[in-house]
């Protein structure tokens, strides 16, 4: 009898330990991927089996948003739990920008650090490096991701179409030859490297006019900005995503016996789209479609790595995108001419750069085997809410003065509630506010379209007020501002209060 009691106590203690074990967390963040780019979100011209599986085994959110319709502000909000428009300088950054994430305040990785996690970022950063624009790329580059809460970082500084086209591991450029120092300038040409403007015959991918992709040529592709030096450190586009994947898998393997947080920031399907050889031509939708297949495969590889290390049932995987889709974004890569009936926007108007729904309504999948059951949720959530939600899950206290725009959406994220945010402000060319199925877009005198010489996307800008009933009109086709003046007044007033930080 005593033996049976001891065994019971032993098993009970083990079960309690299992329940109390902190889950690993992997956020996989795509770049410029639209709501309609995945087959689990309705795409019929392209098949994404690994993400479909991730969604089928977890929760697929249909009303999830980034804060902004472009990359830098969305990433800033994800990191800080604060609307990016509250701070100047959070627009799309050049590759030589200074760090914009505060190092003395709470961030998403710092939440995990306080809970005893190992933390890492692998992939795109685009939040600036160093204390000023002028920096020595050949020495220690700081502050950066490590100072914002990541124990380990393996990144490229900005975007794949901006120089410097190098990897930075922790504080140093990878593979740099000290006799060939790097210089970067975003205003004038430096060094003797050919540019796309001067030598278009050297380009293996033609650049569209008016986008700025005709500066220094790296790997046969014109970039934004000028650089010289660092020849041995420059990555090639075809192998760059594979390098990020290998670094992410290694981090998972090394830290499998302790709780970890990995922010795996993919570069696909952002331009320049130059997928690895095994994916070129596979989608039938041009290089953009091929890049989406490559993205889906990488997600599958992460899922395999998690399973192979035996931590699948104690690992949360979240997948989302930083903003909506864009087709012609500076390179002639078949994204438009080979679209083949594919609808990256899904049921929405607009896209990247737009205040309309396609700008910020993005795929969002939450997967936690054994903890979450397959379902679809229309709860209104925002990526910015991950900070407060994980602080709640991990019992990390947050002061009232920090991450003030991040809301604890843990019940919705875990599928225990169908109720999400009461309201959300989104940022395109204009600010919008979404509440109870209604969306108000404030007047804005900017252009109504980015223009055919640029991305040819509806911006949602208009000099008059706009009001849409999203619950009945996802496509924002009928402006109801004249029919519901009280609703316009209510939402305009609420937006103004939130702007003043008085929700």
Protein backbone atom coordinates (compact mmCIF):
# COMPACT_ATOMS: atom_id res chain seq x y z
CA UNK A 1 0.00 0.00 0.00
CA UNK A 2 2.80 2.40 0.92
CA UNK A 3 4.58 1.57 -2.34
CA UNK A 4 1.46 2.39 -4.37
CA UNK A 5 1.13 5.73 -2.55
CA UNK A 6 4.75 6.59 -3.29
CA UNK A 7 4.29 5.74 -6.97
CA UNK A 8 1.15 7.86 -7.10
CA UNK A 9 2.96 10.81 -5.55
CA UNK A 10 5.83 10.36 -7.99
CA UNK A 11 3.58 10.32 -11.05
CA UNK A 12 1.55 13.24 -9.68
CA UNK A 13 4.73 15.27 -9.19
CA UNK A 14 5.92 14.45 -12.71
CA UNK A 15 2.56 15.48 -14.17
CA UNK A 16 2.65 18.77 -12.28
CA UNK A 17 6.17 19.37 -13.57
CA UNK A 18 4.94 18.79 -17.12
CA UNK A 19 2.09 21.23 -16.68
CA UNK A 20 4.38 23.86 -15.19
CA UNK A 21 7.01 23.48 -17.93
CA UNK A 22 7.41 26.68 -19.88
CA UNK A 23 6.58 26.29 -23.57
CA UNK A 24 9.12 27.11 -26.23
CA UNK A 25 7.89 29.84 -28.57
CA UNK A 26 8.76 30.27 -32.24
CA UNK A 27 7.39 33.24 -34.17
CA UNK A 28 7.78 32.82 -37.93
CA UNK A 29 7.31 36.21 -39.58
CA UNK A 30 6.92 36.45 -43.35
CA UNK A 31 7.66 39.60 -45.34
CA UNK A 32 4.98 41.09 -47.66
CA UNK A 33 2.83 37.95 -47.62
CA UNK A 34 -0.85 38.61 -48.30
CA UNK A 35 -3.96 37.18 -46.67
CA UNK A 36 -4.79 35.33 -49.90
CA UNK A 37 -1.30 33.93 -50.54
CA UNK A 38 -1.83 30.65 -48.62
CA UNK A 39 -4.08 27.77 -49.57
CA UNK A 40 -5.34 27.57 -45.98
CA UNK A 41 -6.60 31.13 -46.49
CA UNK A 42 -8.36 30.39 -49.77
CA UNK A 43 -5.62 30.43 -52.42
CA UNK A 44 -6.36 28.02 -55.27
CA UNK A 45 -3.50 28.78 -57.67
CA UNK A 46 -0.78 27.93 -55.17
CA UNK A 47 -0.55 25.14 -52.57
CA UNK A 48 1.16 25.63 -49.19
CA UNK A 49 0.92 22.19 -47.53
CA UNK A 50 3.13 22.84 -44.51
CA UNK A 51 1.30 25.99 -43.45
CA UNK A 52 -2.00 24.24 -44.17
CA UNK A 53 -0.93 21.52 -41.74
CA UNK A 54 0.14 24.08 -39.15
CA UNK A 55 -3.28 25.75 -39.43
CA UNK A 56 -5.23 22.49 -39.42
CA UNK A 57 -3.60 21.46 -36.15
CA UNK A 58 -4.08 24.87 -34.52
CA UNK A 59 -6.08 28.08 -34.72
CA UNK A 60 -6.42 30.02 -37.96
CA UNK A 61 -7.30 33.65 -37.29
CA UNK A 62 -9.29 35.53 -39.92
CA UNK A 63 -9.27 38.99 -38.31
CA UNK A 64 -5.62 39.34 -37.27
CA UNK A 65 -3.64 42.46 -38.09
CA UNK A 66 -0.20 43.96 -38.15
CA UNK A 67 -0.32 47.53 -36.88
CA UNK A 68 0.94 48.92 -40.16
CA UNK A 69 0.92 48.33 -43.89
CA UNK A 70 4.73 48.45 -44.12
CA UNK A 71 7.52 46.50 -42.49
CA UNK A 72 9.55 48.69 -40.12
CA UNK A 73 6.57 50.08 -38.17
CA UNK A 74 4.94 46.63 -37.89
CA UNK A 75 8.17 45.17 -36.49
CA UNK A 76 8.59 48.09 -34.12
CA UNK A 77 5.10 47.49 -32.73
CA UNK A 78 5.69 43.76 -32.38
CA UNK A 79 8.88 44.42 -30.44
CA UNK A 80 7.67 47.26 -28.21
CA UNK A 81 3.93 46.75 -27.74
CA UNK A 82 3.40 50.35 -28.83
CA UNK A 83 1.75 51.88 -31.88
CA UNK A 84 4.65 53.00 -34.12
CA UNK A 85 2.97 56.26 -35.15
CA UNK A 86 3.42 57.47 -31.56
CA UNK A 87 7.12 57.91 -32.31
CA UNK A 88 8.76 59.74 -35.22
CA UNK A 89 11.34 57.87 -37.26
CA UNK A 90 9.51 54.54 -37.36
CA UNK A 91 8.81 54.67 -41.09
CA UNK A 92 10.58 52.34 -43.56
CA UNK A 93 14.26 52.64 -42.68
CA UNK A 94 17.27 52.77 -45.01
CA UNK A 95 19.93 50.10 -44.51
CA UNK A 96 22.25 52.41 -42.58
CA UNK A 97 19.68 53.69 -40.06
CA UNK A 98 20.36 53.90 -36.33
CA UNK A 99 18.53 51.59 -33.91
CA UNK A 100 14.97 52.77 -33.21
CA UNK A 101 13.96 50.18 -30.57
CA UNK A 102 14.61 51.54 -27.06
CA UNK A 103 17.21 49.54 -25.15
CA UNK A 104 16.00 50.72 -21.73
CA UNK A 105 12.37 49.58 -22.03
CA UNK A 106 10.51 46.29 -22.10
CA UNK A 107 10.42 44.45 -25.42
CA UNK A 108 8.96 41.14 -26.52
CA UNK A 109 12.27 39.26 -26.20
CA UNK A 110 12.88 40.86 -22.79
CA UNK A 111 9.57 39.40 -21.58
CA UNK A 112 10.97 35.96 -22.38
CA UNK A 113 14.35 36.84 -20.89
CA UNK A 114 12.69 37.78 -17.60
CA UNK A 115 10.94 34.40 -17.65
CA UNK A 116 14.27 32.58 -17.95
CA UNK A 117 14.27 31.90 -21.69
CA UNK A 118 17.12 31.77 -24.20
CA UNK A 119 16.23 34.21 -26.98
CA UNK A 120 17.28 34.59 -30.61
CA UNK A 121 16.43 36.41 -33.81
CA UNK A 122 17.34 34.90 -37.15
CA UNK A 123 16.53 36.69 -40.42
CA UNK A 124 15.42 40.17 -41.35
CA UNK A 125 15.86 42.95 -38.77
CA UNK A 126 15.14 46.36 -40.37
CA UNK A 127 14.97 48.27 -37.09
CA UNK A 128 18.33 49.98 -37.35
CA UNK A 129 21.79 49.37 -35.92
CA UNK A 130 24.14 51.54 -33.91
CA UNK A 131 23.60 54.91 -32.35
CA UNK A 132 23.82 56.92 -35.56
CA UNK A 133 23.68 56.61 -39.33
CA UNK A 134 27.45 56.86 -39.73
CA UNK A 135 28.85 53.61 -38.38
CA UNK A 136 31.89 51.40 -38.74
CA UNK A 137 30.67 48.26 -40.50
CA UNK A 138 34.09 46.70 -40.03
CA UNK A 139 34.14 46.63 -36.24
CA UNK A 140 31.64 46.09 -33.44
CA UNK A 141 28.16 47.24 -34.53
CA UNK A 142 26.02 48.11 -31.54
CA UNK A 143 23.48 48.66 -30.12
CA UNK A 144 21.32 46.22 -32.08
CA UNK A 145 19.16 43.15 -31.52
CA UNK A 146 21.32 41.91 -28.63
CA UNK A 147 20.70 45.11 -26.70
CA UNK A 148 16.93 44.82 -27.18
CA UNK A 149 16.66 41.39 -25.56
CA UNK A 150 18.07 38.76 -27.92
CA UNK A 151 20.86 36.54 -26.59
CA UNK A 152 21.75 35.58 -30.15
CA UNK A 153 21.18 37.36 -33.44
CA UNK A 154 21.95 36.38 -37.02
CA UNK A 155 20.42 38.97 -39.33
CA UNK A 156 20.76 41.15 -42.34
CA UNK A 157 20.47 44.83 -41.41
CA UNK A 158 17.43 45.96 -43.43
CA UNK A 159 15.86 44.34 -46.50
CA UNK A 160 17.22 42.16 -49.27
CA UNK A 161 16.95 45.04 -51.76
CA UNK A 162 18.99 47.43 -49.60
CA UNK A 163 22.73 47.52 -48.93
CA UNK A 164 24.76 46.40 -47.10
CA UNK A 165 24.07 42.90 -48.45
CA UNK A 166 25.81 41.07 -45.61
CA UNK A 167 25.02 38.94 -42.59
CA UNK A 168 25.58 40.36 -39.11
CA UNK A 169 26.04 37.82 -36.33
CA UNK A 170 25.65 39.42 -32.94
CA UNK A 171 27.74 42.58 -33.38
CA UNK A 172 29.94 41.71 -36.36
CA UNK A 173 29.67 41.27 -40.13
CA UNK A 174 30.17 37.60 -41.02
CA UNK A 175 33.08 36.64 -43.28
CA UNK A 176 34.57 40.11 -43.53
CA UNK A 177 38.09 40.52 -44.90
CA UNK A 178 39.82 43.27 -42.93
CA UNK A 179 41.76 44.31 -46.05
CA UNK A 180 38.49 44.98 -47.91
CA UNK A 181 36.51 47.23 -45.55
CA UNK A 182 32.83 47.96 -46.09
CA UNK A 183 31.52 51.45 -46.76
CA UNK A 184 27.83 52.35 -47.12
CA UNK A 185 26.19 55.53 -48.39
CA UNK A 186 22.55 56.21 -49.25
CA UNK A 187 23.14 59.59 -50.87
CA UNK A 188 26.07 59.28 -53.26
CA UNK A 189 28.03 56.59 -55.04
CA UNK A 190 31.13 55.33 -53.28
CA UNK A 191 33.84 52.99 -54.55
CA UNK A 192 34.07 51.43 -57.99
CA UNK A 193 31.32 48.80 -57.86
CA UNK A 194 29.08 48.95 -60.94
CA UNK A 195 25.54 50.22 -60.52
CA UNK A 196 22.36 49.14 -62.23
CA UNK A 197 21.94 52.64 -63.67
CA UNK A 198 25.38 52.61 -65.27
CA UNK A 199 25.56 48.95 -66.30
CA UNK A 200 22.09 47.44 -66.86
CA UNK A 201 23.74 44.75 -69.00
CA UNK A 202 25.19 43.22 -65.81
CA UNK A 203 21.79 42.67 -64.21
CA UNK A 204 20.31 39.17 -64.13
CA UNK A 205 16.97 40.68 -63.03
CA UNK A 206 15.81 43.86 -64.71
CA UNK A 207 14.76 46.64 -62.34
CA UNK A 208 11.52 48.59 -62.81
CA UNK A 209 11.89 52.35 -63.24
CA UNK A 210 11.29 54.80 -60.37
CA UNK A 211 11.90 52.30 -57.55
CA UNK A 212 15.55 53.07 -56.80
CA UNK A 213 16.81 49.54 -57.43
CA UNK A 214 19.54 50.76 -59.76
CA UNK A 215 22.36 51.47 -57.34
CA UNK A 216 25.18 49.07 -56.38
CA UNK A 217 24.92 45.67 -58.05
CA UNK A 218 25.27 42.71 -55.69
CA UNK A 219 24.90 39.17 -57.05
CA UNK A 220 23.72 40.54 -60.38
CA UNK A 221 20.87 42.52 -58.78
CA UNK A 222 20.66 46.28 -58.41
CA UNK A 223 20.03 47.49 -54.84
CA UNK A 224 18.87 50.61 -53.06
CA UNK A 225 21.91 52.48 -51.74
CA UNK A 226 25.61 52.28 -52.46
CA UNK A 227 28.28 50.08 -50.92
CA UNK A 228 31.88 49.21 -51.54
CA UNK A 229 34.12 46.54 -50.08
CA UNK A 230 33.11 43.43 -48.16
CA UNK A 231 33.33 41.22 -51.25
CA UNK A 232 33.83 37.99 -49.27
CA UNK A 233 31.03 38.89 -46.85
CA UNK A 234 28.28 39.50 -49.41
CA UNK A 235 25.56 36.88 -49.54
CA UNK A 236 23.90 35.55 -52.67
CA UNK A 237 20.13 35.75 -52.84
CA UNK A 238 19.66 32.07 -53.67
CA UNK A 239 21.51 30.83 -50.57
CA UNK A 240 20.66 33.57 -48.09
CA UNK A 241 17.29 32.11 -46.92
CA UNK A 242 18.87 28.67 -46.58
CA UNK A 243 21.52 30.14 -44.30
CA UNK A 244 18.85 31.69 -42.10
CA UNK A 245 16.99 28.36 -41.97
CA UNK A 246 20.10 26.47 -40.90
CA UNK A 247 20.85 29.01 -38.15
CA UNK A 248 17.26 28.73 -36.88
CA UNK A 249 17.38 24.92 -36.83
CA UNK A 250 20.71 24.98 -35.01
CA UNK A 251 19.36 27.31 -32.34
CA UNK A 252 16.41 24.96 -31.78
CA UNK A 253 18.69 21.94 -31.47
CA UNK A 254 21.17 23.61 -29.11
CA UNK A 255 18.41 24.89 -26.80
CA UNK A 256 16.01 21.94 -26.89
CA UNK A 257 16.55 21.13 -23.21
CA UNK A 258 15.63 24.61 -21.92
CA UNK A 259 12.88 27.10 -22.73
CA UNK A 260 13.64 29.26 -25.74
CA UNK A 261 12.10 32.04 -27.81
CA UNK A 262 13.03 32.20 -31.50
CA UNK A 263 11.99 35.04 -33.79
CA UNK A 264 12.51 33.59 -37.27
CA UNK A 265 12.06 36.54 -39.63
CA UNK A 266 11.79 35.27 -43.19
CA UNK A 267 12.71 37.41 -46.18
CA UNK A 268 10.15 35.83 -48.53
CA UNK A 269 8.30 36.98 -50.59
CA UNK A 270 9.89 40.45 -50.36
CA UNK A 271 11.86 41.66 -53.36
CA UNK A 272 14.27 40.89 -54.88
CA UNK A 273 12.63 37.51 -55.37
CA UNK A 274 15.45 35.20 -56.35
CA UNK A 275 14.46 31.80 -54.95
CA UNK A 276 16.81 28.87 -54.58
CA UNK A 277 17.24 26.73 -57.66
CA UNK A 278 15.02 23.92 -56.39
CA UNK A 279 12.03 26.32 -56.32
CA UNK A 280 12.58 28.34 -59.50
CA UNK A 281 9.67 27.85 -61.89
CA UNK A 282 7.81 25.49 -59.55
CA UNK A 283 4.79 27.67 -58.78
CA UNK A 284 3.81 28.82 -62.25
CA UNK A 285 3.31 32.28 -60.72
CA UNK A 286 6.72 33.76 -61.38
CA UNK A 287 9.47 34.21 -58.82
CA UNK A 288 7.04 35.62 -56.26
CA UNK A 289 5.06 32.39 -56.27
CA UNK A 290 8.28 30.38 -56.15
CA UNK A 291 9.36 32.40 -53.09
CA UNK A 292 6.08 31.53 -51.36
CA UNK A 293 6.71 27.83 -52.01
CA UNK A 294 10.19 28.28 -50.55
CA UNK A 295 8.68 30.01 -47.51
CA UNK A 296 6.21 27.16 -46.97
CA UNK A 297 8.99 24.59 -47.26
CA UNK A 298 11.06 26.47 -44.65
CA UNK A 299 8.11 26.38 -42.25
CA UNK A 300 7.92 22.64 -42.82
CA UNK A 301 11.62 22.28 -42.05
CA UNK A 302 11.16 24.12 -38.75
CA UNK A 303 8.23 21.83 -37.89
CA UNK A 304 10.39 18.78 -38.67
CA UNK A 305 13.23 20.12 -36.51
CA UNK A 306 10.90 20.71 -33.57
CA UNK A 307 9.51 17.18 -33.89
CA UNK A 308 12.95 15.59 -34.32
CA UNK A 309 14.23 17.20 -31.12
CA UNK A 310 11.30 15.79 -29.14
CA UNK A 311 9.85 19.16 -28.08
CA UNK A 312 6.82 19.30 -30.39
CA UNK A 313 4.19 19.12 -27.65
CA UNK A 314 5.84 21.85 -25.65
CA UNK A 315 6.42 24.31 -28.48
CA UNK A 316 4.14 27.12 -29.64
CA UNK A 317 4.58 28.09 -33.29
CA UNK A 318 3.03 31.33 -34.48
CA UNK A 319 3.04 32.29 -38.14
CA UNK A 320 2.15 35.69 -39.55
CA UNK A 321 3.24 38.44 -41.98
CA UNK A 322 4.44 41.99 -41.38
CA UNK A 323 1.99 43.56 -43.85
CA UNK A 324 -0.07 42.91 -46.95
CA UNK A 325 1.08 41.92 -50.42
CA UNK A 326 2.74 43.83 -53.22
CA UNK A 327 3.37 42.56 -56.76
CA UNK A 328 5.50 44.96 -58.81
CA UNK A 329 7.82 46.34 -56.15
CA UNK A 330 10.82 47.27 -58.22
CA UNK A 331 11.92 44.23 -60.23
CA UNK A 332 10.64 42.54 -63.38
CA UNK A 333 10.13 39.07 -61.89
CA UNK A 334 6.84 37.80 -63.29
CA UNK A 335 4.81 38.76 -60.24
CA UNK A 336 2.33 40.65 -62.42
CA UNK A 337 2.60 38.98 -65.82
CA UNK A 338 2.48 35.46 -64.35
CA UNK A 339 -0.17 36.07 -61.70
CA UNK A 340 -2.38 33.47 -63.42
CA UNK A 341 -5.55 34.41 -61.54
CA UNK A 342 -3.97 34.27 -58.09
CA UNK A 343 -5.37 36.85 -55.62
CA UNK A 344 -2.75 37.77 -52.98
CA UNK A 345 -5.23 40.19 -51.33
CA UNK A 346 -7.83 37.52 -50.70
CA UNK A 347 -11.25 39.19 -50.24
CA UNK A 348 -9.80 42.63 -49.49
CA UNK A 349 -8.90 45.86 -51.30
CA UNK A 350 -5.51 47.49 -51.13
CA UNK A 351 -2.21 45.89 -50.20
CA UNK A 352 1.13 46.93 -48.83
CA UNK A 353 1.26 50.72 -48.17
CA UNK A 354 -2.56 50.87 -47.94
CA UNK A 355 -5.04 51.91 -45.24
CA UNK A 356 -7.50 49.44 -46.74
CA UNK A 357 -7.84 45.99 -45.17
CA UNK A 358 -5.36 44.17 -47.42
CA UNK A 359 -2.64 46.41 -45.98
CA UNK A 360 -2.78 45.03 -42.46
CA UNK A 361 -5.16 42.03 -42.34
CA UNK A 362 -2.69 39.17 -42.61
CA UNK A 363 -2.47 35.41 -42.05
CA UNK A 364 -2.07 34.50 -38.39
CA UNK A 365 -1.77 30.89 -37.22
CA UNK A 366 -1.30 29.72 -33.62
CA UNK A 367 -0.15 26.11 -33.15
CA UNK A 368 0.46 24.28 -29.86
CA UNK A 369 0.05 20.49 -30.17
CA UNK A 370 -2.05 18.97 -27.42
CA UNK A 371 -3.05 22.39 -26.07
CA UNK A 372 -4.96 23.89 -28.99
CA UNK A 373 -7.67 22.24 -31.04
CA UNK A 374 -8.30 22.86 -34.71
CA UNK A 375 -10.57 25.86 -35.21
CA UNK A 376 -11.05 29.13 -37.04
CA UNK A 377 -11.35 32.33 -35.01
CA UNK A 378 -12.63 35.73 -36.13
CA UNK A 379 -11.47 37.45 -32.93
CA UNK A 380 -9.88 40.85 -33.59
CA UNK A 381 -6.22 40.53 -32.59
CA UNK A 382 -2.99 42.36 -33.36
CA UNK A 383 0.62 41.18 -33.45
CA UNK A 384 1.39 43.99 -31.01
CA UNK A 385 -0.65 42.05 -28.43
CA UNK A 386 1.88 39.21 -28.24
CA UNK A 387 3.97 41.14 -25.73
CA UNK A 388 1.22 41.52 -23.12
CA UNK A 389 -0.21 38.07 -23.88
CA UNK A 390 3.04 36.21 -23.31
CA UNK A 391 3.78 38.34 -20.26
CA UNK A 392 0.48 37.04 -18.89
CA UNK A 393 1.21 33.42 -19.86
CA UNK A 394 4.66 33.53 -18.25
CA UNK A 395 3.62 35.64 -15.22
CA UNK A 396 5.98 38.48 -16.12
CA UNK A 397 4.68 41.71 -14.52
CA UNK A 398 4.38 44.77 -16.76
CA UNK A 399 4.41 48.29 -15.38
CA UNK A 400 1.42 50.44 -16.34
CA UNK A 401 3.72 52.81 -18.22
CA UNK A 402 5.21 50.26 -20.65
CA UNK A 403 3.85 48.56 -23.78
CA UNK A 404 0.67 50.54 -23.22
CA UNK A 405 -0.93 49.66 -26.55
CA UNK A 406 -0.40 45.90 -26.19
CA UNK A 407 -3.45 44.05 -24.84
CA UNK A 408 -3.59 40.65 -23.19
CA UNK A 409 -5.31 38.50 -25.82
CA UNK A 410 -4.28 35.16 -24.29
CA UNK A 411 -7.85 33.76 -24.05
CA UNK A 412 -8.40 34.47 -27.75
CA UNK A 413 -4.97 33.20 -28.76
CA UNK A 414 -5.56 29.94 -26.90
CA UNK A 415 -8.99 29.53 -28.42
CA UNK A 416 -10.77 29.90 -25.09
CA UNK A 417 -12.61 33.05 -26.15
CA UNK A 418 -14.03 34.32 -29.42
CA UNK A 419 -13.73 37.88 -28.17
CA UNK A 420 -10.64 39.83 -29.14
CA UNK A 421 -9.77 43.50 -28.98
CA UNK A 422 -12.50 46.07 -28.47
CA UNK A 423 -10.79 48.34 -31.01
CA UNK A 424 -7.61 48.57 -33.10
CA UNK A 425 -5.87 51.44 -34.87
CA UNK A 426 -4.14 50.51 -38.11
CA UNK A 427 -1.67 52.55 -40.11
CA UNK A 428 -1.54 52.87 -43.90
CA UNK A 429 -1.30 56.17 -45.71
CA UNK A 430 -3.92 57.30 -43.18
CA UNK A 431 -4.84 56.05 -39.72
CA UNK A 432 -7.95 53.89 -39.37
CA UNK A 433 -9.83 52.52 -36.40
CA UNK A 434 -11.71 49.21 -36.31
CA UNK A 435 -14.39 48.57 -33.70
CA UNK A 436 -17.34 46.17 -33.51
CA UNK A 437 -17.10 45.30 -37.18
CA UNK A 438 -16.94 48.94 -38.32
CA UNK A 439 -13.92 50.73 -39.79
CA UNK A 440 -13.35 54.48 -39.94
CA UNK A 441 -10.53 55.92 -42.09
CA UNK A 442 -9.61 59.49 -41.25
CA UNK A 443 -9.37 62.04 -44.07
CA UNK A 444 -6.01 62.16 -45.81
CA UNK A 445 -4.84 64.28 -48.75
CA UNK A 446 -2.34 61.72 -50.00
CA UNK A 447 -2.68 60.07 -53.43
CA UNK A 448 -5.51 57.55 -53.87
CA UNK A 449 -3.12 55.15 -55.63
CA UNK A 450 0.62 54.63 -55.40
CA UNK A 451 0.62 54.99 -59.19
CA UNK A 452 1.29 52.67 -62.13
CA UNK A 453 4.98 53.64 -62.18
CA UNK A 454 5.32 52.38 -58.61
CA UNK A 455 3.29 49.57 -57.01
CA UNK A 456 -0.17 50.45 -58.41
CA UNK A 457 -1.95 49.85 -55.08
CA UNK A 458 -5.02 51.64 -53.73
CA UNK A 459 -3.87 53.57 -50.67
CA UNK A 460 -7.26 54.21 -49.09
CA UNK A 461 -6.42 57.92 -48.91
CA UNK A 462 -9.31 60.33 -49.44
CA UNK A 463 -9.91 63.96 -48.44
CA UNK A 464 -13.26 62.98 -46.92
CA UNK A 465 -14.20 60.56 -44.12
CA UNK A 466 -14.72 56.89 -44.90
CA UNK A 467 -16.81 54.41 -42.94
CA UNK A 468 -17.17 50.74 -43.82
CA UNK A 469 -19.14 47.93 -42.20
CA UNK A 470 -16.50 45.21 -42.41
CA UNK A 471 -18.82 42.59 -40.97
CA UNK A 472 -20.89 42.85 -44.17
CA UNK A 473 -18.46 44.50 -46.58
CA UNK A 474 -14.94 43.09 -46.32
CA UNK A 475 -14.03 44.66 -49.63
CA UNK A 476 -14.75 48.16 -48.29
CA UNK A 477 -16.79 48.89 -51.40
CA UNK A 478 -19.60 51.00 -49.87
CA UNK A 479 -18.70 54.16 -47.94
CA UNK A 480 -21.43 54.56 -45.31
CA UNK A 481 -20.14 57.77 -43.71
CA UNK A 482 -23.09 59.78 -45.05
CA UNK A 483 -25.63 57.28 -43.75
CA UNK A 484 -24.19 56.87 -40.25
CA UNK A 485 -22.92 60.28 -39.07
CA UNK A 486 -23.19 59.27 -35.40
CA UNK A 487 -20.95 56.25 -36.01
CA UNK A 488 -18.43 58.46 -37.79
CA UNK A 489 -18.44 60.88 -34.87
CA UNK A 490 -18.07 58.06 -32.34
CA UNK A 491 -15.11 56.42 -34.09
CA UNK A 492 -13.39 59.70 -34.97
CA UNK A 493 -13.62 60.74 -31.31
CA UNK A 494 -12.27 57.39 -30.11
CA UNK A 495 -9.37 57.56 -32.58
CA UNK A 496 -8.48 61.02 -31.33
CA UNK A 497 -8.51 59.84 -27.70
CA UNK A 498 -6.21 56.93 -28.56
CA UNK A 499 -3.89 59.31 -30.41
CA UNK A 500 -3.67 61.31 -27.20
CA UNK A 501 -3.03 58.06 -25.29
CA UNK A 502 -6.34 58.42 -23.45
CA UNK A 503 -8.32 55.31 -24.46
